[in-house]
Amino acid sequence: MYVGGVEGFISCLYFKIPPYIYGKEIENARIILYKYPVPVYEMYHSKCGAAYKCGVPIDDVHDDCCPASLSVCPLLEFFSKYSPCYSIPLSDSGKTVTCQIDERLCYTEIDISQIAKQWIQNTIDNRGLLVTGCCTGRIVSYASEKEPDWGLRPVMRLTYRDLSELSSVPCIVKVS
């Protein structure tokens, strides 16, 4: 899964929300994307190279490039594996979340708590997420849902509180 670069790669992700989550209060929602090595061809044909290279921050090599970062926003239309044959699905850019890519880590963690809360509250439909690079000079590659190692596939981690379990307990106080 490529994001950014001169070619302007984008990716669409969809995470199914389990039915038992609805009616709960979302405290935190994060997507975790595990980095893949960028092929040498892509690294040298991108203006500033990859967003990470063998553990060395790319900013040390390319001072004129913007910091490596990602933007994520909710999709307003569904997408499919055939979407590249058509136009890019519409997204809600007003709900965009941007995060820096830490070159030292093997993953990128993006806080989408506000988007997930709106999905649970049915304020917006869960039609997926659009992931874009913020700098056209940088390319980053992540494992996709086609990755044979399940542990590297994109994941959404939800932390929630069950409001129905919060109840009052009868209490009798006797004063003598």
N, C-alpha and C. Protein backbone atom coordinates (compact mmCIF):
# COMPACT_ATOMS: atom_id res chain seq x y z
N MET A 1 0.86 -1.16 0.00
CA MET A 1 0.00 0.00 0.00
C MET A 1 0.91 1.23 0.00
N TYR A 2 0.92 1.97 -1.11
CA TYR A 2 1.72 3.19 -1.22
C TYR A 2 0.91 4.41 -0.85
N VAL A 3 1.58 5.40 -0.27
CA VAL A 3 0.95 6.68 0.03
C VAL A 3 1.97 7.77 -0.30
N GLY A 4 1.49 8.83 -0.98
CA GLY A 4 2.35 9.98 -1.28
C GLY A 4 3.20 9.78 -2.52
N GLY A 5 4.35 10.43 -2.52
CA GLY A 5 5.26 10.35 -3.64
C GLY A 5 4.85 11.28 -4.76
N VAL A 6 5.72 11.38 -5.75
CA VAL A 6 5.47 12.25 -6.91
C VAL A 6 4.19 11.82 -7.61
N GLU A 7 3.93 10.51 -7.60
CA GLU A 7 2.75 9.98 -8.27
C GLU A 7 1.47 10.29 -7.51
N GLY A 8 1.59 10.75 -6.26
CA GLY A 8 0.41 11.10 -5.46
C GLY A 8 -0.43 9.89 -5.07
N PHE A 9 0.21 8.79 -4.71
CA PHE A 9 -0.52 7.59 -4.33
C PHE A 9 -1.46 7.88 -3.16
N ILE A 10 -2.65 7.32 -3.22
CA ILE A 10 -3.61 7.38 -2.12
C ILE A 10 -4.04 5.95 -1.82
N SER A 11 -4.60 5.75 -0.66
CA SER A 11 -5.13 4.44 -0.32
C SER A 11 -6.46 4.61 0.39
N CYS A 12 -7.34 3.65 0.21
CA CYS A 12 -8.61 3.63 0.91
C CYS A 12 -8.62 2.43 1.84
N LEU A 13 -9.06 2.64 3.06
CA LEU A 13 -9.14 1.57 4.05
C LEU A 13 -10.56 1.47 4.57
N TYR A 14 -10.97 0.27 4.90
CA TYR A 14 -12.28 0.08 5.51
C TYR A 14 -12.12 -0.86 6.69
N PHE A 15 -12.65 -0.45 7.84
CA PHE A 15 -12.64 -1.26 9.05
C PHE A 15 -14.09 -1.47 9.47
N LYS A 16 -14.49 -2.72 9.52
CA LYS A 16 -15.85 -3.05 9.96
C LYS A 16 -15.92 -2.86 11.47
N ILE A 17 -16.94 -2.15 11.92
CA ILE A 17 -17.13 -1.94 13.35
C ILE A 17 -18.09 -3.01 13.86
N PRO A 18 -17.67 -3.78 14.86
CA PRO A 18 -18.54 -4.84 15.38
C PRO A 18 -19.84 -4.25 15.94
N PRO A 19 -20.97 -4.94 15.74
CA PRO A 19 -22.27 -4.42 16.18
C PRO A 19 -22.33 -4.11 17.68
N TYR A 20 -21.60 -4.87 18.50
CA TYR A 20 -21.67 -4.64 19.95
C TYR A 20 -21.03 -3.32 20.37
N ILE A 21 -20.30 -2.65 19.48
CA ILE A 21 -19.67 -1.37 19.81
C ILE A 21 -20.70 -0.24 19.80
N TYR A 22 -21.74 -0.37 18.96
CA TYR A 22 -22.75 0.68 18.89
C TYR A 22 -23.46 0.80 20.23
N GLY A 23 -23.68 2.01 20.67
CA GLY A 23 -24.29 2.26 21.96
C GLY A 23 -23.26 2.41 23.06
N LYS A 24 -22.00 2.26 22.73
CA LYS A 24 -20.92 2.42 23.69
C LYS A 24 -20.27 3.79 23.47
N GLU A 25 -19.50 4.22 24.42
CA GLU A 25 -18.79 5.49 24.30
C GLU A 25 -17.35 5.21 23.88
N ILE A 26 -16.96 5.72 22.72
CA ILE A 26 -15.60 5.54 22.23
C ILE A 26 -14.68 6.49 23.00
N GLU A 27 -13.69 5.93 23.63
CA GLU A 27 -12.70 6.75 24.34
C GLU A 27 -11.51 7.05 23.44
N ASN A 28 -11.15 6.08 22.58
CA ASN A 28 -9.98 6.23 21.74
C ASN A 28 -10.10 5.30 20.55
N ALA A 29 -9.70 5.77 19.38
CA ALA A 29 -9.67 4.93 18.18
C ALA A 29 -8.41 5.29 17.39
N ARG A 30 -7.65 4.28 17.08
CA ARG A 30 -6.40 4.49 16.34
C ARG A 30 -6.27 3.44 15.26
N ILE A 31 -5.74 3.87 14.11
CA ILE A 31 -5.37 2.88 13.09
C ILE A 31 -3.85 2.73 13.15
N ILE A 32 -3.41 1.50 12.98
CA ILE A 32 -1.99 1.20 13.01
C ILE A 32 -1.63 0.60 11.67
N LEU A 33 -0.66 1.24 11.01
CA LEU A 33 -0.18 0.79 9.71
C LEU A 33 1.28 0.40 9.86
N TYR A 34 1.63 -0.81 9.41
CA TYR A 34 3.00 -1.30 9.52
C TYR A 34 3.75 -1.02 8.22
N LYS A 35 4.92 -0.42 8.35
CA LYS A 35 5.71 -0.02 7.19
C LYS A 35 6.29 -1.22 6.46
N TYR A 36 6.41 -1.03 5.16
CA TYR A 36 7.04 -1.98 4.26
C TYR A 36 8.24 -1.26 3.65
N PRO A 37 9.28 -1.98 3.30
CA PRO A 37 10.39 -1.30 2.60
C PRO A 37 9.91 -0.79 1.25
N VAL A 38 10.34 0.41 0.88
CA VAL A 38 9.98 0.98 -0.41
C VAL A 38 10.95 0.43 -1.45
N PRO A 39 10.45 -0.10 -2.57
CA PRO A 39 11.37 -0.61 -3.60
C PRO A 39 12.35 0.47 -4.06
N VAL A 40 13.54 0.06 -4.41
CA VAL A 40 14.61 0.99 -4.80
C VAL A 40 14.15 1.90 -5.93
N TYR A 41 13.42 1.36 -6.91
CA TYR A 41 12.94 2.17 -8.03
C TYR A 41 12.13 3.36 -7.53
N GLU A 42 11.20 3.12 -6.63
CA GLU A 42 10.35 4.18 -6.10
C GLU A 42 11.16 5.18 -5.29
N MET A 43 12.16 4.69 -4.55
CA MET A 43 12.95 5.55 -3.70
C MET A 43 13.70 6.59 -4.53
N TYR A 44 14.25 6.18 -5.68
CA TYR A 44 15.06 7.08 -6.47
C TYR A 44 14.25 7.88 -7.49
N HIS A 45 13.01 7.50 -7.73
CA HIS A 45 12.18 8.26 -8.66
C HIS A 45 11.23 9.20 -7.94
N SER A 46 11.28 9.21 -6.64
CA SER A 46 10.52 10.16 -5.85
C SER A 46 11.44 11.34 -5.58
N LYS A 47 10.91 12.55 -5.59
CA LYS A 47 11.71 13.77 -5.44
C LYS A 47 12.64 13.71 -4.23
N CYS A 48 12.13 13.30 -3.09
CA CYS A 48 12.93 13.30 -1.86
C CYS A 48 13.18 11.92 -1.31
N GLY A 49 12.89 10.89 -2.07
CA GLY A 49 13.13 9.54 -1.58
C GLY A 49 11.99 9.04 -0.72
N ALA A 50 12.28 7.99 0.00
CA ALA A 50 11.27 7.39 0.86
C ALA A 50 11.16 8.17 2.15
N ALA A 51 10.06 7.95 2.85
CA ALA A 51 9.85 8.62 4.13
C ALA A 51 10.70 7.99 5.22
N TYR A 52 11.31 6.89 4.93
CA TYR A 52 12.22 6.23 5.86
C TYR A 52 13.19 5.39 5.04
N LYS A 53 14.39 5.25 5.53
CA LYS A 53 15.37 4.47 4.79
C LYS A 53 16.37 3.87 5.77
N CYS A 54 16.31 2.60 6.01
CA CYS A 54 17.27 1.88 6.84
C CYS A 54 17.51 2.53 8.20
N GLY A 55 16.48 3.06 8.82
CA GLY A 55 16.61 3.61 10.16
C GLY A 55 17.21 5.00 10.22
N VAL A 56 17.60 5.57 9.08
CA VAL A 56 18.17 6.91 9.07
C VAL A 56 17.08 7.89 8.68
N PRO A 57 16.80 8.90 9.52
CA PRO A 57 15.76 9.87 9.15
C PRO A 57 16.10 10.54 7.82
N ILE A 58 15.15 10.57 6.92
CA ILE A 58 15.36 11.12 5.60
C ILE A 58 15.64 12.61 5.63
N ASP A 59 15.19 13.32 6.68
CA ASP A 59 15.42 14.76 6.77
C ASP A 59 16.90 15.10 6.82
N ASP A 60 17.75 14.17 7.27
CA ASP A 60 19.18 14.41 7.29
C ASP A 60 19.74 14.48 5.89
N VAL A 61 19.07 13.83 4.93
CA VAL A 61 19.56 13.78 3.57
C VAL A 61 18.91 14.85 2.70
N HIS A 62 17.62 15.12 2.92
CA HIS A 62 16.86 16.04 2.08
C HIS A 62 16.26 17.16 2.94
N ASP A 63 17.04 18.19 3.20
CA ASP A 63 16.56 19.26 4.06
C ASP A 63 15.48 20.11 3.41
N ASP A 64 15.40 20.11 2.06
CA ASP A 64 14.42 20.96 1.38
C ASP A 64 13.03 20.33 1.31
N CYS A 65 12.86 19.12 1.79
CA CYS A 65 11.56 18.43 1.72
C CYS A 65 10.76 18.66 2.99
N CYS A 66 9.45 18.56 2.84
CA CYS A 66 8.58 18.71 4.00
C CYS A 66 8.68 17.46 4.87
N PRO A 67 8.30 17.56 6.15
CA PRO A 67 8.32 16.37 7.02
C PRO A 67 7.36 15.32 6.50
N ALA A 68 7.72 14.08 6.68
CA ALA A 68 6.87 12.99 6.24
C ALA A 68 5.64 12.92 7.14
N SER A 69 4.46 12.98 6.54
CA SER A 69 3.23 12.91 7.30
C SER A 69 2.11 12.32 6.44
N LEU A 70 1.05 11.90 7.12
CA LEU A 70 -0.12 11.33 6.46
C LEU A 70 -1.35 12.12 6.84
N SER A 71 -2.32 12.15 5.94
CA SER A 71 -3.64 12.70 6.24
C SER A 71 -4.67 11.60 6.06
N VAL A 72 -5.62 11.57 6.97
CA VAL A 72 -6.70 10.59 6.92
C VAL A 72 -8.02 11.33 7.07
N CYS A 73 -8.98 11.02 6.20
CA CYS A 73 -10.31 11.61 6.34
C CYS A 73 -11.36 10.56 5.96
N PRO A 74 -12.57 10.73 6.49
CA PRO A 74 -13.63 9.74 6.20
C PRO A 74 -14.13 9.85 4.77
N LEU A 75 -14.43 8.71 4.19
CA LEU A 75 -15.00 8.67 2.84
C LEU A 75 -16.50 8.92 2.90
N LEU A 76 -17.00 9.63 1.91
CA LEU A 76 -18.44 9.87 1.79
C LEU A 76 -19.07 8.92 0.77
N GLU A 77 -18.23 8.22 0.03
CA GLU A 77 -18.68 7.24 -0.95
C GLU A 77 -17.94 5.93 -0.71
N PHE A 78 -18.55 4.84 -1.12
CA PHE A 78 -17.89 3.54 -1.00
C PHE A 78 -16.80 3.43 -2.06
N PHE A 79 -15.86 2.51 -1.84
CA PHE A 79 -14.81 2.25 -2.81
C PHE A 79 -14.70 0.74 -3.00
N SER A 80 -14.03 0.34 -4.04
CA SER A 80 -13.79 -1.09 -4.28
C SER A 80 -12.40 -1.25 -4.87
N LYS A 81 -12.00 -2.48 -5.08
CA LYS A 81 -10.69 -2.69 -5.68
C LYS A 81 -10.65 -2.18 -7.12
N TYR A 82 -11.80 -1.90 -7.69
CA TYR A 82 -11.88 -1.36 -9.04
C TYR A 82 -11.97 0.17 -9.04
N SER A 83 -11.97 0.78 -7.87
CA SER A 83 -12.07 2.24 -7.78
C SER A 83 -11.03 2.97 -8.62
N PRO A 84 -9.77 2.48 -8.74
CA PRO A 84 -8.80 3.20 -9.56
C PRO A 84 -9.24 3.36 -11.02
N CYS A 85 -10.16 2.52 -11.48
CA CYS A 85 -10.66 2.64 -12.86
C CYS A 85 -11.62 3.82 -13.00
N TYR A 86 -12.06 4.36 -11.86
CA TYR A 86 -13.05 5.43 -11.86
C TYR A 86 -12.47 6.63 -11.10
N SER A 87 -13.30 7.55 -10.71
CA SER A 87 -12.81 8.71 -9.96
C SER A 87 -12.57 8.34 -8.50
N ILE A 88 -11.76 9.14 -7.83
CA ILE A 88 -11.48 8.92 -6.42
C ILE A 88 -12.77 9.17 -5.65
N PRO A 89 -13.10 8.30 -4.68
CA PRO A 89 -14.33 8.51 -3.89
C PRO A 89 -14.28 9.86 -3.16
N LEU A 90 -15.44 10.48 -3.01
CA LEU A 90 -15.51 11.74 -2.28
C LEU A 90 -15.18 11.50 -0.81
N SER A 91 -14.53 12.50 -0.20
CA SER A 91 -14.19 12.40 1.22
C SER A 91 -14.55 13.70 1.91
N ASP A 92 -14.64 13.65 3.22
CA ASP A 92 -14.97 14.84 4.02
C ASP A 92 -13.67 15.46 4.52
N SER A 93 -13.13 16.39 3.74
CA SER A 93 -11.84 17.00 4.08
C SER A 93 -11.93 17.86 5.34
N GLY A 94 -13.13 18.24 5.76
CA GLY A 94 -13.30 19.01 6.99
C GLY A 94 -13.01 18.20 8.25
N LYS A 95 -12.96 16.89 8.10
CA LYS A 95 -12.69 16.00 9.26
C LYS A 95 -11.31 15.35 9.13
N THR A 96 -10.41 15.99 8.39
CA THR A 96 -9.08 15.43 8.15
C THR A 96 -8.24 15.41 9.42
N VAL A 97 -7.55 14.30 9.61
CA VAL A 97 -6.60 14.12 10.71
C VAL A 97 -5.22 13.97 10.08
N THR A 98 -4.24 14.71 10.57
CA THR A 98 -2.88 14.63 10.05
C THR A 98 -1.95 14.13 11.15
N CYS A 99 -1.02 13.27 10.77
CA CYS A 99 -0.05 12.78 11.75
C CYS A 99 1.33 12.70 11.11
N GLN A 100 2.34 12.92 11.92
CA GLN A 100 3.73 12.82 11.47
C GLN A 100 4.12 11.34 11.40
N ILE A 101 4.98 11.02 10.46
CA ILE A 101 5.53 9.67 10.35
C ILE A 101 6.87 9.68 11.07
N ASP A 102 6.98 8.87 12.09
CA ASP A 102 8.23 8.75 12.84
C ASP A 102 9.11 7.74 12.11
N GLU A 103 10.20 8.22 11.51
CA GLU A 103 11.06 7.35 10.71
C GLU A 103 11.72 6.25 11.54
N ARG A 104 11.80 6.43 12.85
CA ARG A 104 12.47 5.44 13.71
C ARG A 104 11.59 4.24 14.01
N LEU A 105 10.29 4.36 13.79
CA LEU A 105 9.36 3.28 14.13
C LEU A 105 9.00 2.46 12.90
N CYS A 106 8.63 1.21 13.12
CA CYS A 106 8.25 0.32 12.01
C CYS A 106 6.77 0.43 11.69
N TYR A 107 6.08 1.36 12.31
CA TYR A 107 4.64 1.54 12.10
C TYR A 107 4.29 3.02 12.22
N THR A 108 3.08 3.34 11.79
CA THR A 108 2.52 4.68 11.97
C THR A 108 1.18 4.50 12.66
N GLU A 109 0.95 5.25 13.73
CA GLU A 109 -0.29 5.17 14.50
C GLU A 109 -1.03 6.49 14.34
N ILE A 110 -2.27 6.42 13.90
CA ILE A 110 -3.06 7.61 13.58
C ILE A 110 -4.31 7.65 14.46
N ASP A 111 -4.49 8.73 15.17
CA ASP A 111 -5.64 8.89 16.06
C ASP A 111 -6.86 9.34 15.24
N ILE A 112 -7.84 8.44 15.13
CA ILE A 112 -9.08 8.76 14.39
C ILE A 112 -10.27 8.75 15.35
N SER A 113 -10.03 9.09 16.61
CA SER A 113 -11.08 9.02 17.63
C SER A 113 -12.32 9.82 17.25
N GLN A 114 -12.15 11.04 16.76
CA GLN A 114 -13.31 11.88 16.43
C GLN A 114 -14.12 11.28 15.28
N ILE A 115 -13.43 10.72 14.30
CA ILE A 115 -14.13 10.08 13.16
C ILE A 115 -14.90 8.86 13.65
N ALA A 116 -14.25 8.01 14.46
CA ALA A 116 -14.91 6.79 14.97
C ALA A 116 -16.11 7.13 15.84
N LYS A 117 -16.00 8.19 16.65
CA LYS A 117 -17.14 8.60 17.49
C LYS A 117 -18.33 8.97 16.62
N GLN A 118 -18.07 9.64 15.50
CA GLN A 118 -19.16 10.02 14.60
C GLN A 118 -19.75 8.81 13.90
N TRP A 119 -18.93 7.81 13.62
CA TRP A 119 -19.46 6.57 13.04
C TRP A 119 -20.41 5.90 14.03
N ILE A 120 -19.99 5.81 15.29
CA ILE A 120 -20.79 5.13 16.32
C ILE A 120 -22.08 5.89 16.59
N GLN A 121 -22.02 7.22 16.55
CA GLN A 121 -23.20 8.05 16.80
C GLN A 121 -24.07 8.21 15.56
N ASN A 122 -23.68 7.56 14.46
CA ASN A 122 -24.39 7.65 13.18
C ASN A 122 -24.48 9.07 12.64
N THR A 123 -23.50 9.91 12.99
CA THR A 123 -23.44 11.26 12.43
C THR A 123 -22.95 11.20 10.99
N ILE A 124 -21.99 10.30 10.74
CA ILE A 124 -21.54 10.02 9.37
C ILE A 124 -21.50 8.50 9.20
N ASP A 125 -21.69 8.05 7.96
CA ASP A 125 -21.64 6.62 7.67
C ASP A 125 -20.20 6.15 7.61
N ASN A 126 -19.97 4.94 8.05
CA ASN A 126 -18.66 4.32 7.94
C ASN A 126 -18.52 3.75 6.54
N ARG A 127 -17.93 4.54 5.65
CA ARG A 127 -17.69 4.09 4.28
C ARG A 127 -16.21 3.90 4.03
N GLY A 128 -15.43 4.07 5.09
CA GLY A 128 -13.99 3.87 4.96
C GLY A 128 -13.23 5.16 5.19
N LEU A 129 -11.93 5.07 4.97
CA LEU A 129 -11.01 6.19 5.19
C LEU A 129 -10.15 6.39 3.95
N LEU A 130 -9.85 7.63 3.65
CA LEU A 130 -8.93 7.97 2.57
C LEU A 130 -7.61 8.36 3.21
N VAL A 131 -6.52 7.70 2.81
CA VAL A 131 -5.19 7.97 3.36
C VAL A 131 -4.34 8.59 2.25
N THR A 132 -3.80 9.77 2.52
CA THR A 132 -2.96 10.47 1.54
C THR A 132 -1.68 10.93 2.21
N GLY A 133 -0.66 11.13 1.38
CA GLY A 133 0.59 11.70 1.87
C GLY A 133 0.49 13.21 1.81
N CYS A 134 1.08 13.89 2.78
CA CYS A 134 1.00 15.35 2.81
C CYS A 134 2.07 16.01 1.97
N CYS A 135 3.02 15.26 1.54
CA CYS A 135 4.11 15.83 0.76
C CYS A 135 4.30 14.98 -0.48
N THR A 136 4.19 15.58 -1.65
CA THR A 136 4.31 14.81 -2.88
C THR A 136 5.73 14.33 -3.12
N GLY A 137 6.70 14.88 -2.40
CA GLY A 137 8.08 14.45 -2.58
C GLY A 137 8.44 13.20 -1.81
N ARG A 138 7.56 12.71 -0.96
CA ARG A 138 7.86 11.55 -0.12
C ARG A 138 6.90 10.41 -0.44
N ILE A 139 7.41 9.21 -0.43
CA ILE A 139 6.57 8.04 -0.62
C ILE A 139 6.77 7.12 0.58
N VAL A 140 5.71 6.52 1.04
CA VAL A 140 5.80 5.56 2.13
C VAL A 140 4.96 4.35 1.75
N SER A 141 5.43 3.19 2.15
CA SER A 141 4.75 1.95 1.81
C SER A 141 4.37 1.22 3.10
N TYR A 142 3.13 0.75 3.14
CA TYR A 142 2.62 0.01 4.29
C TYR A 142 2.09 -1.34 3.85
N ALA A 143 2.06 -2.29 4.76
CA ALA A 143 1.44 -3.59 4.48
C ALA A 143 -0.06 -3.36 4.26
N SER A 144 -0.64 -4.13 3.38
CA SER A 144 -2.07 -3.99 3.08
C SER A 144 -2.83 -5.21 3.60
N GLU A 145 -4.13 -5.26 3.30
CA GLU A 145 -4.94 -6.39 3.73
C GLU A 145 -4.55 -7.67 2.99
N LYS A 146 -3.75 -7.55 1.93
CA LYS A 146 -3.30 -8.72 1.17
C LYS A 146 -2.04 -9.34 1.77
N GLU A 147 -1.48 -8.71 2.78
CA GLU A 147 -0.27 -9.21 3.44
C GLU A 147 -0.54 -10.59 4.02
N PRO A 148 0.29 -11.60 3.69
CA PRO A 148 0.07 -12.95 4.23
C PRO A 148 0.22 -13.03 5.75
N ASP A 149 1.07 -12.18 6.32
CA ASP A 149 1.26 -12.16 7.77
C ASP A 149 0.18 -11.27 8.38
N TRP A 150 -0.83 -11.88 9.02
CA TRP A 150 -1.96 -11.15 9.59
C TRP A 150 -1.50 -10.07 10.56
N GLY A 151 -0.39 -10.28 11.24
CA GLY A 151 0.11 -9.33 12.22
C GLY A 151 0.58 -8.02 11.64
N LEU A 152 0.77 -7.95 10.32
CA LEU A 152 1.23 -6.72 9.68
C LEU A 152 0.11 -5.97 8.95
N ARG A 153 -1.05 -6.57 8.87
CA ARG A 153 -2.16 -5.92 8.17
C ARG A 153 -2.63 -4.68 8.93
N PRO A 154 -3.22 -3.69 8.23
CA PRO A 154 -3.76 -2.52 8.93
C PRO A 154 -4.79 -2.93 9.97
N VAL A 155 -4.77 -2.25 11.09
CA VAL A 155 -5.68 -2.60 12.18
C VAL A 155 -6.23 -1.32 12.80
N MET A 156 -7.47 -1.39 13.28
CA MET A 156 -8.05 -0.29 14.04
C MET A 156 -8.23 -0.78 15.47
N ARG A 157 -7.67 -0.02 16.41
CA ARG A 157 -7.77 -0.37 17.82
C ARG A 157 -8.76 0.58 18.48
N LEU A 158 -9.85 0.02 19.00
CA LEU A 158 -10.90 0.80 19.65
C LEU A 158 -10.85 0.59 21.16
N THR A 159 -10.90 1.69 21.90
CA THR A 159 -11.06 1.63 23.35
C THR A 159 -12.39 2.27 23.64
N TYR A 160 -13.26 1.56 24.36
CA TYR A 160 -14.60 2.07 24.60
C TYR A 160 -15.04 1.78 26.02
N ARG A 161 -16.11 2.44 26.40
CA ARG A 161 -16.72 2.24 27.71
C ARG A 161 -18.17 1.84 27.48
N ASP A 162 -18.61 0.83 28.19
CA ASP A 162 -19.99 0.37 28.07
C ASP A 162 -20.84 1.15 29.06
N LEU A 163 -21.64 2.06 28.55
CA LEU A 163 -22.45 2.92 29.41
C LEU A 163 -23.58 2.16 30.08
N SER A 164 -24.02 1.05 29.48
CA SER A 164 -25.13 0.30 30.07
C SER A 164 -24.71 -0.43 31.35
N GLU A 165 -23.41 -0.67 31.50
CA GLU A 165 -22.93 -1.37 32.69
C GLU A 165 -22.78 -0.44 33.89
N LEU A 166 -22.86 0.86 33.64
CA LEU A 166 -22.76 1.81 34.74
C LEU A 166 -24.16 1.96 35.34
N SER A 167 -24.31 1.44 36.51
CA SER A 167 -25.62 1.52 37.15
C SER A 167 -25.44 1.85 38.63
N SER A 168 -26.54 2.22 39.24
CA SER A 168 -26.47 2.55 40.67
C SER A 168 -26.80 1.30 41.49
N VAL A 169 -26.18 1.23 42.60
CA VAL A 169 -26.41 0.11 43.52
C VAL A 169 -27.16 0.66 44.72
N PRO A 170 -28.27 -0.01 45.10
CA PRO A 170 -29.02 0.49 46.26
C PRO A 170 -28.13 0.49 47.51
N CYS A 171 -28.27 1.53 48.26
CA CYS A 171 -27.46 1.67 49.45
C CYS A 171 -28.36 2.11 50.62
N ILE A 172 -28.28 1.40 51.69
CA ILE A 172 -29.08 1.75 52.88
C ILE A 172 -28.11 2.18 53.98
N VAL A 173 -28.34 3.36 54.47
CA VAL A 173 -27.50 3.90 55.54
C VAL A 173 -28.34 4.04 56.80
N LYS A 174 -27.88 3.44 57.87
CA LYS A 174 -28.57 3.56 59.15
C LYS A 174 -27.72 4.40 60.08
N VAL A 175 -28.32 5.41 60.61
CA VAL A 175 -27.62 6.27 61.55
C VAL A 175 -28.16 5.98 62.95
N SER A 176 -27.29 5.67 63.89
CA SER A 176 -27.75 5.35 65.24
C SER A 176 -27.55 6.52 66.16
